[in-house]
Protein backbone atom coordinates (compact mmCIF):
# COMPACT_ATOMS: atom_id res chain seq x y z
CA UNK A 1 92.77 129.47 101.00
CA UNK A 2 92.68 131.28 97.43
CA UNK A 3 96.29 131.36 96.25
CA UNK A 4 97.94 129.30 98.93
CA UNK A 5 99.61 125.88 97.31
CA UNK A 6 99.74 123.34 99.54
CA UNK A 7 101.70 120.69 98.15
CA UNK A 8 102.77 117.11 99.92
CA UNK A 9 105.15 114.75 98.50
CA UNK A 10 103.09 111.66 99.52
CA UNK A 11 100.17 111.29 97.12
CA UNK A 12 96.78 110.93 98.90
CA UNK A 13 93.47 110.22 96.66
CA UNK A 14 91.24 107.69 98.77
CA UNK A 15 88.40 105.49 97.35
CA UNK A 16 85.46 107.62 99.11
CA UNK A 17 86.88 110.71 97.51
CA UNK A 18 87.16 108.91 94.04
CA UNK A 19 83.47 108.16 94.52
CA UNK A 20 82.08 111.49 95.68
CA UNK A 21 83.67 112.99 92.64
CA UNK A 22 82.12 110.26 90.34
CA UNK A 23 79.08 110.13 91.88
CA UNK A 24 79.57 106.36 92.79
CA UNK A 25 77.54 104.99 95.50
CA UNK A 26 77.78 101.27 96.73
CA UNK A 27 80.86 99.18 96.76
CA UNK A 28 80.35 96.63 94.14
CA UNK A 29 83.24 98.57 91.88
CA UNK A 30 85.82 99.41 94.96
CA UNK A 31 88.53 96.91 93.27
CA UNK A 32 88.44 98.60 90.07
CA UNK A 33 88.33 102.16 91.02
CA UNK A 34 91.38 101.57 93.38
CA UNK A 35 93.25 99.99 90.30
CA UNK A 36 92.04 103.19 88.47
CA UNK A 37 93.56 105.05 91.59
CA UNK A 38 97.07 103.56 90.82
CA UNK A 39 96.65 103.94 87.14
CA UNK A 40 96.23 107.28 87.45
CA UNK A 41 98.95 108.04 89.89
CA UNK A 42 101.23 106.26 87.56
CA UNK A 43 100.02 107.71 84.28
CA UNK A 44 100.85 111.47 86.04
CA UNK A 45 104.35 110.55 87.24
CA UNK A 46 104.91 109.12 83.52
CA UNK A 47 103.41 112.18 82.07
CA UNK A 48 105.76 114.50 84.07
CA UNK A 49 109.02 112.28 84.08
CA UNK A 50 109.37 112.63 87.94
CA UNK A 51 108.80 110.02 90.29
CA UNK A 52 106.73 111.27 93.40
CA UNK A 53 109.64 108.91 95.82
CA UNK A 54 112.14 111.24 93.93
CA UNK A 55 110.65 114.37 95.23
CA UNK A 56 107.75 115.30 92.68
CA UNK A 57 105.10 117.36 94.82
CA UNK A 58 101.60 116.26 95.02
CA UNK A 59 99.95 119.63 94.45
CA UNK A 60 96.49 120.28 94.06
CA UNK A 61 96.60 120.65 90.32
CA UNK A 62 97.80 117.28 89.81
CA UNK A 63 95.49 115.62 92.27
CA UNK A 64 92.40 117.52 90.10
CA UNK A 65 94.06 115.88 86.85
CA UNK A 66 94.27 112.50 88.54
CA UNK A 67 90.70 112.75 89.43
CA UNK A 68 89.87 113.72 86.18
CA UNK A 69 91.78 110.77 84.61
CA UNK A 70 90.33 108.27 87.00
CA UNK A 71 86.75 109.77 85.71
CA UNK A 72 87.20 108.82 82.03
CA UNK A 73 88.70 105.68 83.18
CA UNK A 74 85.36 104.98 85.01
CA UNK A 75 82.90 106.65 82.56
CA UNK A 76 84.81 104.47 79.36
CA UNK A 77 85.31 101.22 81.71
CA UNK A 78 83.47 99.41 78.80
CA UNK A 79 85.67 100.55 76.36
CA UNK A 80 89.16 99.87 78.19
CA UNK A 81 88.32 96.53 79.64
């Protein structure tokens, strides 16, 4: 609903959600994508300066930021590997 800010303290970004966001078919790169999910969540916490375990809310804006970062990593995977 517009204007409603739904938050959770548990970060939830699923593999299927990332694959849909990045338009990835198949499962050949699932392990790589899972590592990008972990990296994005870590970078997010470092950038904000607070951990999810310490009460950082996982807002929709944070989730979109993580998805954008994962997409960046995936699209430039040859450069980062």
